[in-house]
Amino acid sequence: MASIKHVFSEIHYEMTRKIADGGMGVVYEAHQRGSGQFKKVVAVKLIREEYSAIEEFQKNFIGEARLVADLIHTNIVQTYHLGQVGGQYFMVMEFVRGVNLEQFLERHRTLHQLIPIDLAAFIVSRIARGLTYAHQKRDSEGRLLGIVHRDIGPKNVLVAYEGDVKLTDFGIAKALDLMYNEEGKVIAGKDEYLSPEQASYAVTDARADLFPLGIVLTELLLGKNIFRSADRAQSRRNILTMPIPQFSTLRPDIDPKLEAIIQKALQRDRDKRHQSAAEFLTELEIYLYSDRYGPTNEKLGVYLKEIMGHRELIAPTPTTRPPTPTPTH
């Protein structure tokens, strides 16, 4: 890290510590320095050194930065800058002080308690809100970008101690003029959080993000991902064929209204699923707020601090692993 510190100090970034290391990227907490003792905490994401000279990875990294540059929304981690130094590309991103949903879930498992239903639904509604914005995003000429995140899962959702919920890591997203990993030949995403379309190597649209969002909702409610298997191929088979349970039989305080939302999100036929993130969001908000005072960012923030024991955890900006190629038979 010493050499990285030296190189980045020349462009006014002081690397303070590594916060994520895996897949194709490494993420550091850093201080961005400016005139008049200006200092801002940011996250700096760069391609792992062994991938930095490979053109495909450079194109993916640059493509991600270009895609997210104009995604400015409270429920999406913001990207500030793309640069190159010492032969490596890097992105400067919003630093979120909090935890990711995987850490949040693990804390509840450690304490042997379940996440309150209203907060689980609220968190997923905020992810749906960010996806609604991304899915509807147009370029400067008014063309729909057709963004599909393709990697919805707990590691890619950050929850700040103020209660803000933010979607991150568009590293394997597809969009207009940005599709380096051809669908039909690779599976983009994590095996236990795929849509049936992804698991079967089909071409995706925005509805492919909604099935894994339903998986995240059920995992927050149950404390486990019912599709996960130790064998990656089995996880994909579970996505495609495992009977979808009645979740109220697994957690009795799931009421019929929420059960109906979950069942719709987990329809394998995408024509029977929610047809947009906006529709998913609307149903969750009606469920949360139509007959009561529902959860807020502030309520989630207070709960997060209580459940984490006021520990100083920092939510890392996740890194992406390469997609799964088509298996040979």
C-alpha atoms as a PDB file:
ATOM      1  CA  MET A   1       0.000   0.000   0.000  1.00  0.00           C
ATOM      2  CA  ALA A   2       2.972   2.324   0.523  1.00  0.00           C
ATOM      3  CA  SER A   3       3.573   2.736  -3.211  1.00  0.00           C
ATOM      4  CA  ILE A   4      -0.150   3.344  -3.812  1.00  0.00           C
ATOM      5  CA  LYS A   5      -0.149   5.988  -1.085  1.00  0.00           C
ATOM      6  CA  HIS A   6       2.799   7.739  -2.705  1.00  0.00           C
ATOM      7  CA  VAL A   7       1.321   7.697  -6.209  1.00  0.00           C
ATOM      8  CA  PHE A   8      -2.099   8.937  -5.121  1.00  0.00           C
ATOM      9  CA  SER A   9      -0.675  11.620  -2.834  1.00  0.00           C
ATOM     10  CA  GLU A  10       0.615  13.321  -5.966  1.00  0.00           C
ATOM     11  CA  ILE A  11      -2.981  13.814  -7.146  1.00  0.00           C
ATOM     12  CA  HIS A  12      -4.299  14.972  -3.751  1.00  0.00           C
ATOM     13  CA  TYR A  13      -5.708  11.674  -2.440  1.00  0.00           C
ATOM     14  CA  GLU A  14      -4.392  10.326   0.854  1.00  0.00           C
ATOM     15  CA  MET A  15      -5.173   6.600   1.076  1.00  0.00           C
ATOM     16  CA  THR A  16      -5.947   5.786   4.707  1.00  0.00           C
ATOM     17  CA  ARG A  17      -6.900   2.096   4.613  1.00  0.00           C
ATOM     18  CA  LYS A  18      -8.147  -0.749   2.434  1.00  0.00           C
ATOM     19  CA  ILE A  19     -11.857  -1.462   2.959  1.00  0.00           C
ATOM     20  CA  ALA A  20     -12.600  -4.071   0.284  1.00  0.00           C
ATOM     21  CA  ASP A  21     -10.472  -6.467  -1.721  1.00  0.00           C
ATOM     22  CA  GLY A  22     -11.913  -9.052  -4.038  1.00  0.00           C
ATOM     23  CA  GLY A  23     -13.016  -9.886  -7.539  1.00  0.00           C
ATOM     24  CA  MET A  24     -11.620  -7.383 -10.006  1.00  0.00           C
ATOM     25  CA  GLY A  25     -11.249  -4.339  -7.760  1.00  0.00           C
ATOM     26  CA  VAL A  26      -9.801  -2.945  -4.562  1.00  0.00           C
ATOM     27  CA  VAL A  27     -11.420  -0.147  -2.573  1.00  0.00           C
ATOM     28  CA  TYR A  28      -9.686   2.258  -0.195  1.00  0.00           C
ATOM     29  CA  GLU A  29     -10.925   4.862   2.209  1.00  0.00           C
ATOM     30  CA  ALA A  30      -9.163   8.085   1.270  1.00  0.00           C
ATOM     31  CA  HIS A  31      -8.989  11.776   2.058  1.00  0.00           C
ATOM     32  CA  GLN A  32      -9.371  14.104  -0.892  1.00  0.00           C
ATOM     33  CA  ARG A  33      -7.371  17.239  -0.163  1.00  0.00           C
ATOM     34  CA  GLY A  34      -7.724  20.710  -1.615  1.00  0.00           C
ATOM     35  CA  SER A  35      -6.869  24.330  -0.989  1.00  0.00           C
ATOM     36  CA  GLY A  36      -7.354  25.964   2.402  1.00  0.00           C
ATOM     37  CA  GLN A  37      -7.013  22.703   4.351  1.00  0.00           C
ATOM     38  CA  PHE A  38     -10.021  21.275   2.505  1.00  0.00           C
ATOM     39  CA  LYS A  39     -10.497  17.561   3.237  1.00  0.00           C
ATOM     40  CA  LYS A  40     -13.263  15.182   2.189  1.00  0.00           C
ATOM     41  CA  VAL A  41     -13.549  11.474   2.970  1.00  0.00           C
ATOM     42  CA  VAL A  42     -14.139   9.442  -0.206  1.00  0.00           C
ATOM     43  CA  ALA A  43     -13.890   5.866  -1.420  1.00  0.00           C
ATOM     44  CA  VAL A  44     -11.346   5.148  -4.152  1.00  0.00           C
ATOM     45  CA  LYS A  45     -11.949   2.039  -6.244  1.00  0.00           C
ATOM     46  CA  LEU A  46      -9.287   0.768  -8.623  1.00  0.00           C
ATOM     47  CA  ILE A  47      -8.759  -2.282 -10.809  1.00  0.00           C
ATOM     48  CA  ARG A  48      -6.656  -4.946  -9.162  1.00  0.00           C
ATOM     49  CA  GLU A  49      -3.093  -4.721 -10.454  1.00  0.00           C
ATOM     50  CA  GLU A  50      -3.182  -8.099 -12.201  1.00  0.00           C
ATOM     51  CA  TYR A  51      -6.212  -6.990 -14.250  1.00  0.00           C
ATOM     52  CA  SER A  52      -5.179  -3.408 -14.945  1.00  0.00           C
ATOM     53  CA  ALA A  53      -3.370  -4.237 -18.194  1.00  0.00           C
ATOM     54  CA  ILE A  54      -6.206  -6.367 -19.606  1.00  0.00           C
ATOM     55  CA  GLU A  55      -8.239  -4.343 -22.098  1.00  0.00           C
ATOM     56  CA  GLU A  56     -11.576  -6.049 -21.317  1.00  0.00           C
ATOM     57  CA  PHE A  57     -11.348  -5.165 -17.636  1.00  0.00           C
ATOM     58  CA  GLN A  58     -10.317  -1.604 -18.425  1.00  0.00           C
ATOM     59  CA  LYS A  59     -13.328  -1.246 -20.734  1.00  0.00           C
ATOM     60  CA  ASN A  60     -15.679  -2.642 -18.088  1.00  0.00           C
ATOM     61  CA  PHE A  61     -14.267  -0.333 -15.425  1.00  0.00           C
ATOM     62  CA  ILE A  62     -14.441   2.739 -17.658  1.00  0.00           C
ATOM     63  CA  GLY A  63     -17.911   1.711 -18.798  1.00  0.00           C
ATOM     64  CA  GLU A  64     -19.134   1.454 -15.208  1.00  0.00           C
ATOM     65  CA  ALA A  65     -17.753   4.904 -14.400  1.00  0.00           C
ATOM     66  CA  ARG A  66     -19.334   6.466 -17.483  1.00  0.00           C
ATOM     67  CA  LEU A  67     -22.651   4.787 -16.726  1.00  0.00           C
ATOM     68  CA  VAL A  68     -22.912   5.895 -13.101  1.00  0.00           C
ATOM     69  CA  ALA A  69     -21.463   9.388 -13.588  1.00  0.00           C
ATOM     70  CA  ASP A  70     -24.915  10.894 -14.068  1.00  0.00           C
ATOM     71  CA  LEU A  71     -26.789   8.581 -11.680  1.00  0.00           C
ATOM     72  CA  ILE A  72     -27.354  11.204  -9.019  1.00  0.00           C
ATOM     73  CA  HIS A  73     -29.954   9.953  -6.559  1.00  0.00           C
ATOM     74  CA  THR A  74     -30.178   9.653  -2.793  1.00  0.00           C
ATOM     75  CA  ASN A  75     -30.560   5.857  -3.039  1.00  0.00           C
ATOM     76  CA  ILE A  76     -27.520   5.289  -5.286  1.00  0.00           C
ATOM     77  CA  VAL A  77     -23.878   5.666  -4.273  1.00  0.00           C
ATOM     78  CA  GLN A  78     -22.537   8.620  -6.236  1.00  0.00           C
ATOM     79  CA  THR A  79     -19.416   8.533  -8.401  1.00  0.00           C
ATOM     80  CA  TYR A  80     -17.382  11.747  -8.488  1.00  0.00           C
ATOM     81  CA  HIS A  81     -14.426  11.109 -10.769  1.00  0.00           C
ATOM     82  CA  LEU A  82     -12.661   8.640 -13.095  1.00  0.00           C
ATOM     83  CA  GLY A  83      -8.912   8.956 -13.375  1.00  0.00           C
ATOM     84  CA  GLN A  84      -5.735   7.126 -14.242  1.00  0.00           C
ATOM     85  CA  VAL A  85      -2.492   7.119 -12.312  1.00  0.00           C
ATOM     86  CA  GLY A  86       0.533   4.853 -12.401  1.00  0.00           C
ATOM     87  CA  GLY A  87      -1.060   2.804 -15.185  1.00  0.00           C
ATOM     88  CA  GLN A  88      -4.193   2.058 -13.145  1.00  0.00           C
ATOM     89  CA  TYR A  89      -7.693   3.420 -13.579  1.00  0.00           C
ATOM     90  CA  PHE A  90      -9.521   4.528 -10.443  1.00  0.00           C
ATOM     91  CA  MET A  91     -12.946   5.829  -9.479  1.00  0.00           C
ATOM     92  CA  VAL A  92     -13.622   8.281  -6.691  1.00  0.00           C
ATOM     93  CA  MET A  93     -16.934   7.513  -5.017  1.00  0.00           C
ATOM     94  CA  GLU A  94     -19.159   8.614  -2.180  1.00  0.00           C
ATOM     95  CA  PHE A  95     -18.000   7.202   1.148  1.00  0.00           C
ATOM     96  CA  VAL A  96     -20.875   5.699   3.165  1.00  0.00           C
ATOM     97  CA  ARG A  97     -20.328   5.422   6.899  1.00  0.00           C
ATOM     98  CA  GLY A  98     -22.422   2.464   7.962  1.00  0.00           C
ATOM     99  CA  VAL A  99     -22.797  -1.197   6.979  1.00  0.00           C
ATOM    100  CA  ASN A 100     -23.822  -3.243   3.994  1.00  0.00           C
ATOM    101  CA  LEU A 101     -26.864  -5.502   4.209  1.00  0.00           C
ATOM    102  CA  GLU A 102     -24.718  -8.623   4.492  1.00  0.00           C
ATOM    103  CA  GLN A 103     -23.123  -7.202   7.660  1.00  0.00           C
ATOM    104  CA  PHE A 104     -26.573  -6.135   8.871  1.00  0.00           C
ATOM    105  CA  LEU A 105     -27.937  -9.661   8.360  1.00  0.00           C
ATOM    106  CA  GLU A 106     -24.920 -11.285   9.982  1.00  0.00           C
ATOM    107  CA  ARG A 107     -25.342  -9.101  13.071  1.00  0.00           C
ATOM    108  CA  HIS A 108     -28.942 -10.272  13.449  1.00  0.00           C
ATOM    109  CA  ARG A 109     -27.892 -13.901  13.023  1.00  0.00           C
ATOM    110  CA  THR A 110     -25.264 -13.426  15.735  1.00  0.00           C
ATOM    111  CA  LEU A 111     -27.921 -12.010  18.062  1.00  0.00           C
ATOM    112  CA  HIS A 112     -30.441 -14.712  17.063  1.00  0.00           C
ATOM    113  CA  GLN A 113     -33.099 -12.166  16.206  1.00  0.00           C
ATOM    114  CA  LEU A 114     -35.063 -11.191  13.122  1.00  0.00           C
ATOM    115  CA  ILE A 115     -35.173  -7.815  11.428  1.00  0.00           C
ATOM    116  CA  PRO A 116     -38.477  -6.000  12.132  1.00  0.00           C
ATOM    117  CA  ILE A 117     -40.864  -6.523   9.229  1.00  0.00           C
ATOM    118  CA  ASP A 118     -41.547  -2.841   8.642  1.00  0.00           C
ATOM    119  CA  LEU A 119     -37.828  -2.018   8.451  1.00  0.00           C
ATOM    120  CA  ALA A 120     -37.140  -4.938   6.088  1.00  0.00           C
ATOM    121  CA  ALA A 121     -39.898  -3.720   3.754  1.00  0.00           C
ATOM    122  CA  PHE A 122     -38.675  -0.122   4.087  1.00  0.00           C
ATOM    123  CA  ILE A 123     -35.096  -1.030   3.140  1.00  0.00           C
ATOM    124  CA  VAL A 124     -36.281  -2.877   0.041  1.00  0.00           C
ATOM    125  CA  SER A 125     -38.585   0.013  -0.884  1.00  0.00           C
ATOM    126  CA  ARG A 126     -35.559   2.349  -0.893  1.00  0.00           C
ATOM    127  CA  ILE A 127     -33.634  -0.047  -3.139  1.00  0.00           C
ATOM    128  CA  ALA A 128     -36.663  -0.122  -5.444  1.00  0.00           C
ATOM    129  CA  ARG A 129     -36.665   3.678  -5.403  1.00  0.00           C
ATOM    130  CA  GLY A 130     -33.031   3.777  -6.566  1.00  0.00           C
ATOM    131  CA  LEU A 131     -33.731   1.150  -9.222  1.00  0.00           C
ATOM    132  CA  THR A 132     -36.745   3.110 -10.470  1.00  0.00           C
ATOM    133  CA  TYR A 133     -34.472   6.077 -11.090  1.00  0.00           C
ATOM    134  CA  ALA A 134     -31.772   3.966 -12.771  1.00  0.00           C
ATOM    135  CA  HIS A 135     -34.220   2.036 -14.945  1.00  0.00           C
ATOM    136  CA  GLN A 136     -35.870   5.249 -16.153  1.00  0.00           C
ATOM    137  CA  LYS A 137     -32.609   7.142 -16.770  1.00  0.00           C
ATOM    138  CA  ARG A 138     -32.171   8.736 -20.204  1.00  0.00           C
ATOM    139  CA  ASP A 139     -29.109  10.186 -21.883  1.00  0.00           C
ATOM    140  CA  SER A 140     -28.639  13.793 -22.964  1.00  0.00           C
ATOM    141  CA  GLU A 141     -30.449  13.039 -26.232  1.00  0.00           C
ATOM    142  CA  GLY A 142     -33.467  11.625 -24.450  1.00  0.00           C
ATOM    143  CA  ARG A 143     -32.732   7.976 -25.239  1.00  0.00           C
ATOM    144  CA  LEU A 144     -33.681   5.477 -22.558  1.00  0.00           C
ATOM    145  CA  LEU A 145     -30.426   3.952 -21.316  1.00  0.00           C
ATOM    146  CA  GLY A 146     -32.062   0.611 -20.558  1.00  0.00           C
ATOM    147  CA  ILE A 147     -29.989   0.058 -17.414  1.00  0.00           C
ATOM    148  CA  VAL A 148     -30.204  -3.371 -15.774  1.00  0.00           C
ATOM    149  CA  HIS A 149     -28.079  -3.657 -12.610  1.00  0.00           C
ATOM    150  CA  ARG A 150     -27.857  -7.497 -12.755  1.00  0.00           C
ATOM    151  CA  ASP A 151     -26.151  -7.780  -9.355  1.00  0.00           C
ATOM    152  CA  ILE A 152     -28.783  -6.997  -6.727  1.00  0.00           C
ATOM    153  CA  GLY A 153     -27.789  -8.538  -3.398  1.00  0.00           C
ATOM    154  CA  PRO A 154     -26.996  -7.656   0.224  1.00  0.00           C
ATOM    155  CA  LYS A 155     -23.328  -6.832  -0.436  1.00  0.00           C
ATOM    156  CA  ASN A 156     -24.348  -4.188  -2.947  1.00  0.00           C
ATOM    157  CA  VAL A 157     -26.721  -2.311  -0.636  1.00  0.00           C
ATOM    158  CA  LEU A 158     -25.264   0.079   1.929  1.00  0.00           C
ATOM    159  CA  VAL A 159     -27.121   1.463   4.947  1.00  0.00           C
ATOM    160  CA  ALA A 160     -25.692   4.643   6.458  1.00  0.00           C
ATOM    161  CA  TYR A 161     -25.917   5.362  10.173  1.00  0.00           C
ATOM    162  CA  GLU A 162     -28.255   8.220   9.260  1.00  0.00           C
ATOM    163  CA  GLY A 163     -30.637   5.637   7.777  1.00  0.00           C
ATOM    164  CA  ASP A 164     -30.012   6.290   4.084  1.00  0.00           C
ATOM    165  CA  VAL A 165     -30.148   3.156   1.918  1.00  0.00           C
ATOM    166  CA  LYS A 166     -27.898   3.200  -1.144  1.00  0.00           C
ATOM    167  CA  LEU A 167     -27.476   0.814  -4.059  1.00  0.00           C
ATOM    168  CA  THR A 168     -23.936   0.440  -5.367  1.00  0.00           C
ATOM    169  CA  ASP A 169     -21.684  -1.546  -7.734  1.00  0.00           C
ATOM    170  CA  PHE A 170     -22.932  -1.201 -11.305  1.00  0.00           C
ATOM    171  CA  GLY A 171     -19.808  -3.093 -12.413  1.00  0.00           C
ATOM    172  CA  ILE A 172     -21.722  -5.714 -14.406  1.00  0.00           C
ATOM    173  CA  ALA A 173     -24.721  -3.580 -15.356  1.00  0.00           C
ATOM    174  CA  LYS A 174     -25.837  -3.498 -18.929  1.00  0.00           C
ATOM    175  CA  ALA A 175     -27.142  -0.424 -20.696  1.00  0.00           C
ATOM    176  CA  LEU A 176     -27.477   1.199 -24.092  1.00  0.00           C
ATOM    177  CA  ASP A 177     -24.042   1.124 -25.817  1.00  0.00           C
ATOM    178  CA  LEU A 178     -22.586  -0.709 -22.797  1.00  0.00           C
ATOM    179  CA  MET A 179     -22.654  -4.489 -23.011  1.00  0.00           C
ATOM    180  CA  TYR A 180     -19.246  -6.079 -22.862  1.00  0.00           C
ATOM    181  CA  ASN A 181     -20.433  -9.428 -21.472  1.00  0.00           C
ATOM    182  CA  GLU A 182     -22.774 -10.919 -24.020  1.00  0.00           C
ATOM    183  CA  GLU A 183     -25.911 -12.463 -22.551  1.00  0.00           C
ATOM    184  CA  GLY A 184     -26.420 -16.026 -23.647  1.00  0.00           C
ATOM    185  CA  LYS A 185     -22.754 -16.822 -23.101  1.00  0.00           C
ATOM    186  CA  VAL A 186     -22.216 -15.696 -19.518  1.00  0.00           C
ATOM    187  CA  ILE A 187     -24.193 -15.379 -16.304  1.00  0.00           C
ATOM    188  CA  ALA A 188     -23.705 -11.959 -14.772  1.00  0.00           C
ATOM    189  CA  GLY A 189     -24.501 -11.849 -11.062  1.00  0.00           C
ATOM    190  CA  LYS A 190     -24.228 -14.012  -7.953  1.00  0.00           C
ATOM    191  CA  ASP A 191     -25.778 -17.448  -8.277  1.00  0.00           C
ATOM    192  CA  GLU A 192     -28.102 -17.206  -5.255  1.00  0.00           C
ATOM    193  CA  TYR A 193     -29.406 -13.752  -6.284  1.00  0.00           C
ATOM    194  CA  LEU A 194     -30.159 -14.318  -9.966  1.00  0.00           C
ATOM    195  CA  SER A 195     -33.420 -13.852 -11.770  1.00  0.00           C
ATOM    196  CA  PRO A 196     -34.665 -16.933 -13.641  1.00  0.00           C
ATOM    197  CA  GLU A 197     -33.735 -15.118 -16.865  1.00  0.00           C
ATOM    198  CA  GLN A 198     -30.142 -14.729 -15.744  1.00  0.00           C
ATOM    199  CA  ALA A 199     -29.943 -18.299 -14.428  1.00  0.00           C
ATOM    200  CA  SER A 200     -31.113 -19.633 -17.802  1.00  0.00           C
ATOM    201  CA  TYR A 201     -28.780 -17.419 -19.894  1.00  0.00           C
ATOM    202  CA  ALA A 202     -31.691 -15.445 -21.352  1.00  0.00           C
ATOM    203  CA  VAL A 203     -31.583 -11.810 -22.428  1.00  0.00           C
ATOM    204  CA  THR A 204     -32.646  -9.574 -19.553  1.00  0.00           C
ATOM    205  CA  ASP A 205     -34.606  -6.383 -19.139  1.00  0.00           C
ATOM    206  CA  ALA A 206     -35.242  -4.246 -16.056  1.00  0.00           C
ATOM    207  CA  ARG A 207     -37.604  -6.853 -14.599  1.00  0.00           C
ATOM    208  CA  ALA A 208     -34.566  -9.093 -14.027  1.00  0.00           C
ATOM    209  CA  ASP A 209     -33.592  -6.819 -11.119  1.00  0.00           C
ATOM    210  CA  LEU A 210     -36.930  -7.342  -9.370  1.00  0.00           C
ATOM    211  CA  PHE A 211     -36.738 -11.089  -8.721  1.00  0.00           C
ATOM    212  CA  PRO A 212     -33.433 -10.751  -6.783  1.00  0.00           C
ATOM    213  CA  LEU A 213     -34.909  -7.757  -4.993  1.00  0.00           C
ATOM    214  CA  GLY A 214     -37.669 -10.116  -3.860  1.00  0.00           C
ATOM    215  CA  ILE A 215     -34.970 -12.555  -2.704  1.00  0.00           C
ATOM    216  CA  VAL A 216     -33.340  -9.777  -0.668  1.00  0.00           C
ATOM    217  CA  LEU A 217     -36.705  -8.958   0.925  1.00  0.00           C
ATOM    218  CA  THR A 218     -37.257 -12.578   1.953  1.00  0.00           C
ATOM    219  CA  GLU A 219     -33.703 -12.854   3.293  1.00  0.00           C
ATOM    220  CA  LEU A 220     -34.203  -9.764   5.440  1.00  0.00           C
ATOM    221  CA  LEU A 221     -37.444 -11.259   6.753  1.00  0.00           C
ATOM    222  CA  LEU A 222     -36.169 -14.799   7.362  1.00  0.00           C
ATOM    223  CA  GLY A 223     -32.491 -14.221   8.048  1.00  0.00           C
ATOM    224  CA  LYS A 224     -31.506 -16.596   5.245  1.00  0.00           C
ATOM    225  CA  ASN A 225     -31.579 -16.910   1.467  1.00  0.00           C
ATOM    226  CA  ILE A 226     -33.804 -19.899   0.730  1.00  0.00           C
ATOM    227  CA  PHE A 227     -32.194 -20.397  -2.711  1.00  0.00           C
ATOM    228  CA  ARG A 228     -28.593 -20.539  -1.477  1.00  0.00           C
ATOM    229  CA  SER A 229     -26.694 -23.827  -1.719  1.00  0.00           C
ATOM    230  CA  ALA A 230     -23.042 -24.649  -1.088  1.00  0.00           C
ATOM    231  CA  ASP A 231     -22.963 -25.705  -4.747  1.00  0.00           C
ATOM    232  CA  ARG A 232     -23.250 -22.755  -7.128  1.00  0.00           C
ATOM    233  CA  ALA A 233     -24.972 -24.799  -9.823  1.00  0.00           C
ATOM    234  CA  GLN A 234     -27.534 -25.992  -7.284  1.00  0.00           C
ATOM    235  CA  SER A 235     -28.251 -22.395  -6.301  1.00  0.00           C
ATOM    236  CA  ARG A 236     -29.059 -21.666  -9.942  1.00  0.00           C
ATOM    237  CA  ARG A 237     -31.273 -24.776 -10.148  1.00  0.00           C
ATOM    238  CA  ASN A 238     -33.092 -23.643  -7.008  1.00  0.00           C
ATOM    239  CA  ILE A 239     -33.763 -20.266  -8.642  1.00  0.00           C
ATOM    240  CA  LEU A 240     -35.278 -22.065 -11.623  1.00  0.00           C
ATOM    241  CA  THR A 241     -37.209 -24.949 -10.061  1.00  0.00           C
ATOM    242  CA  MET A 242     -37.502 -24.862  -6.271  1.00  0.00           C
ATOM    243  CA  PRO A 243     -41.128 -24.497  -5.096  1.00  0.00           C
ATOM    244  CA  ILE A 244     -41.750 -20.990  -3.756  1.00  0.00           C
ATOM    245  CA  PRO A 245     -43.078 -21.339  -0.186  1.00  0.00           C
ATOM    246  CA  GLN A 246     -45.766 -19.380   1.597  1.00  0.00           C
ATOM    247  CA  PHE A 247     -43.496 -17.130   3.630  1.00  0.00           C
ATOM    248  CA  SER A 248     -46.093 -16.610   6.355  1.00  0.00           C
ATOM    249  CA  THR A 249     -45.605 -20.284   7.246  1.00  0.00           C
ATOM    250  CA  LEU A 250     -41.904 -19.532   7.829  1.00  0.00           C
ATOM    251  CA  ARG A 251     -42.540 -16.296   9.732  1.00  0.00           C
ATOM    252  CA  PRO A 252     -46.124 -16.035  11.023  1.00  0.00           C
ATOM    253  CA  ASP A 253     -46.135 -12.234  11.422  1.00  0.00           C
ATOM    254  CA  ILE A 254     -45.830 -11.768   7.642  1.00  0.00           C
ATOM    255  CA  ASP A 255     -49.346 -10.606   6.834  1.00  0.00           C
ATOM    256  CA  PRO A 256     -51.325 -11.401   3.639  1.00  0.00           C
ATOM    257  CA  LYS A 257     -50.617  -8.002   2.061  1.00  0.00           C
ATOM    258  CA  LEU A 258     -46.849  -8.423   2.298  1.00  0.00           C
ATOM    259  CA  GLU A 259     -47.119 -12.085   1.309  1.00  0.00           C
ATOM    260  CA  ALA A 260     -48.860 -11.055  -1.910  1.00  0.00           C
ATOM    261  CA  ILE A 261     -46.092  -8.558  -2.728  1.00  0.00           C
ATOM    262  CA  ILE A 262     -43.403 -11.192  -2.160  1.00  0.00           C
ATOM    263  CA  GLN A 263     -45.180 -13.819  -4.227  1.00  0.00           C
ATOM    264  CA  LYS A 264     -45.544 -11.392  -7.115  1.00  0.00           C
ATOM    265  CA  ALA A 265     -41.869 -10.385  -6.962  1.00  0.00           C
ATOM    266  CA  LEU A 266     -40.824 -14.058  -7.101  1.00  0.00           C
ATOM    267  CA  GLN A 267     -42.870 -14.989 -10.158  1.00  0.00           C
ATOM    268  CA  ARG A 268     -40.548 -16.881 -12.499  1.00  0.00           C
ATOM    269  CA  ASP A 269     -42.571 -15.719 -15.506  1.00  0.00           C
ATOM    270  CA  ARG A 270     -41.480 -12.100 -15.769  1.00  0.00           C
ATOM    271  CA  ASP A 271     -44.787 -11.163 -17.396  1.00  0.00           C
ATOM    272  CA  LYS A 272     -46.482 -12.093 -14.094  1.00  0.00           C
ATOM    273  CA  ARG A 273     -43.923 -10.321 -11.931  1.00  0.00           C
ATOM    274  CA  HIS A 274     -43.986  -6.606 -11.066  1.00  0.00           C
ATOM    275  CA  GLN A 275     -43.527  -4.918 -14.421  1.00  0.00           C
ATOM    276  CA  SER A 276     -41.319  -2.142 -13.077  1.00  0.00           C
ATOM    277  CA  ALA A 277     -39.366  -1.134 -10.002  1.00  0.00           C
ATOM    278  CA  ALA A 278     -41.839   1.749  -9.698  1.00  0.00           C
ATOM    279  CA  GLU A 279     -44.722  -0.739  -9.373  1.00  0.00           C
ATOM    280  CA  PHE A 280     -42.794  -2.725  -6.746  1.00  0.00           C
ATOM    281  CA  LEU A 281     -42.028   0.525  -4.885  1.00  0.00           C
ATOM    282  CA  THR A 282     -45.660   1.666  -4.973  1.00  0.00           C
ATOM    283  CA  GLU A 283     -46.946  -1.629  -3.568  1.00  0.00           C
ATOM    284  CA  LEU A 284     -44.411  -1.540  -0.726  1.00  0.00           C
ATOM    285  CA  GLU A 285     -45.212   2.072   0.127  1.00  0.00           C
ATOM    286  CA  ILE A 286     -48.967   1.400   0.144  1.00  0.00           C
ATOM    287  CA  TYR A 287     -48.272  -1.533   2.459  1.00  0.00           C
ATOM    288  CA  LEU A 288     -46.073   0.599   4.747  1.00  0.00           C
ATOM    289  CA  TYR A 289     -48.014   3.856   4.876  1.00  0.00           C
ATOM    290  CA  SER A 290     -51.654   3.433   3.838  1.00  0.00           C
ATOM    291  CA  ASP A 291     -53.042   2.770   7.318  1.00  0.00           C
ATOM    292  CA  ARG A 292     -50.291   3.796   9.740  1.00  0.00           C
ATOM    293  CA  TYR A 293     -47.284   5.998  10.337  1.00  0.00           C
ATOM    294  CA  GLY A 294     -44.584   3.919   8.679  1.00  0.00           C
ATOM    295  CA  PRO A 295     -40.794   3.757   8.996  1.00  0.00           C
ATOM    296  CA  THR A 296     -38.436   6.588   8.054  1.00  0.00           C
ATOM    297  CA  ASN A 297     -34.708   7.026   7.456  1.00  0.00           C
ATOM    298  CA  GLU A 298     -34.430   8.341  10.995  1.00  0.00           C
ATOM    299  CA  LYS A 299     -36.109   5.276  12.497  1.00  0.00           C
ATOM    300  CA  LEU A 300     -33.841   2.981  10.488  1.00  0.00           C
ATOM    301  CA  GLY A 301     -30.770   5.001  11.549  1.00  0.00           C
ATOM    302  CA  VAL A 302     -31.653   4.736  15.243  1.00  0.00           C
ATOM    303  CA  TYR A 303     -32.277   0.990  14.888  1.00  0.00           C
ATOM    304  CA  LEU A 304     -28.999   0.470  12.995  1.00  0.00           C
ATOM    305  CA  LYS A 305     -26.961   2.160  15.717  1.00  0.00           C
ATOM    306  CA  GLU A 306     -28.719   0.132  18.396  1.00  0.00           C
ATOM    307  CA  ILE A 307     -28.364  -3.227  16.665  1.00  0.00           C
ATOM    308  CA  MET A 308     -24.724  -2.685  15.713  1.00  0.00           C
ATOM    309  CA  GLY A 309     -23.852  -1.664  19.253  1.00  0.00           C
ATOM    310  CA  HIS A 310     -22.586   1.758  18.106  1.00  0.00           C
ATOM    311  CA  ARG A 311     -19.525   0.085  16.640  1.00  0.00           C
ATOM    312  CA  GLU A 312     -17.603   1.952  13.992  1.00  0.00           C
ATOM    313  CA  LEU A 313     -18.154  -0.242  10.961  1.00  0.00           C
ATOM    314  CA  ILE A 314     -17.537   1.169   7.535  1.00  0.00           C
ATOM    315  CA  ALA A 315     -19.588  -0.077   4.626  1.00  0.00           C
ATOM    316  CA  PRO A 316     -17.203  -1.035   1.843  1.00  0.00           C
ATOM    317  CA  THR A 317     -17.997  -0.306  -1.772  1.00  0.00           C
ATOM    318  CA  PRO A 318     -18.279  -3.884  -3.101  1.00  0.00           C
ATOM    319  CA  THR A 319     -16.153  -5.255  -5.896  1.00  0.00           C
ATOM    320  CA  THR A 320     -17.373  -7.378  -8.757  1.00  0.00           C
ATOM    321  CA  ARG A 321     -16.298 -10.859  -9.693  1.00  0.00           C
ATOM    322  CA  PRO A 322     -16.186 -11.950 -13.359  1.00  0.00           C
ATOM    323  CA  PRO A 323     -19.427 -13.416 -14.776  1.00  0.00           C
ATOM    324  CA  THR A 324     -20.005 -17.176 -15.022  1.00  0.00           C
ATOM    325  CA  PRO A 325     -19.438 -18.494 -18.566  1.00  0.00           C
ATOM    326  CA  THR A 326     -21.806 -20.885 -20.289  1.00  0.00           C
ATOM    327  CA  PRO A 327     -21.038 -24.426 -19.092  1.00  0.00           C
ATOM    328  CA  THR A 328     -19.901 -26.898 -21.709  1.00  0.00           C
ATOM    329  CA  HIS A 329     -21.743 -30.197 -21.979  1.00  0.00           C
END
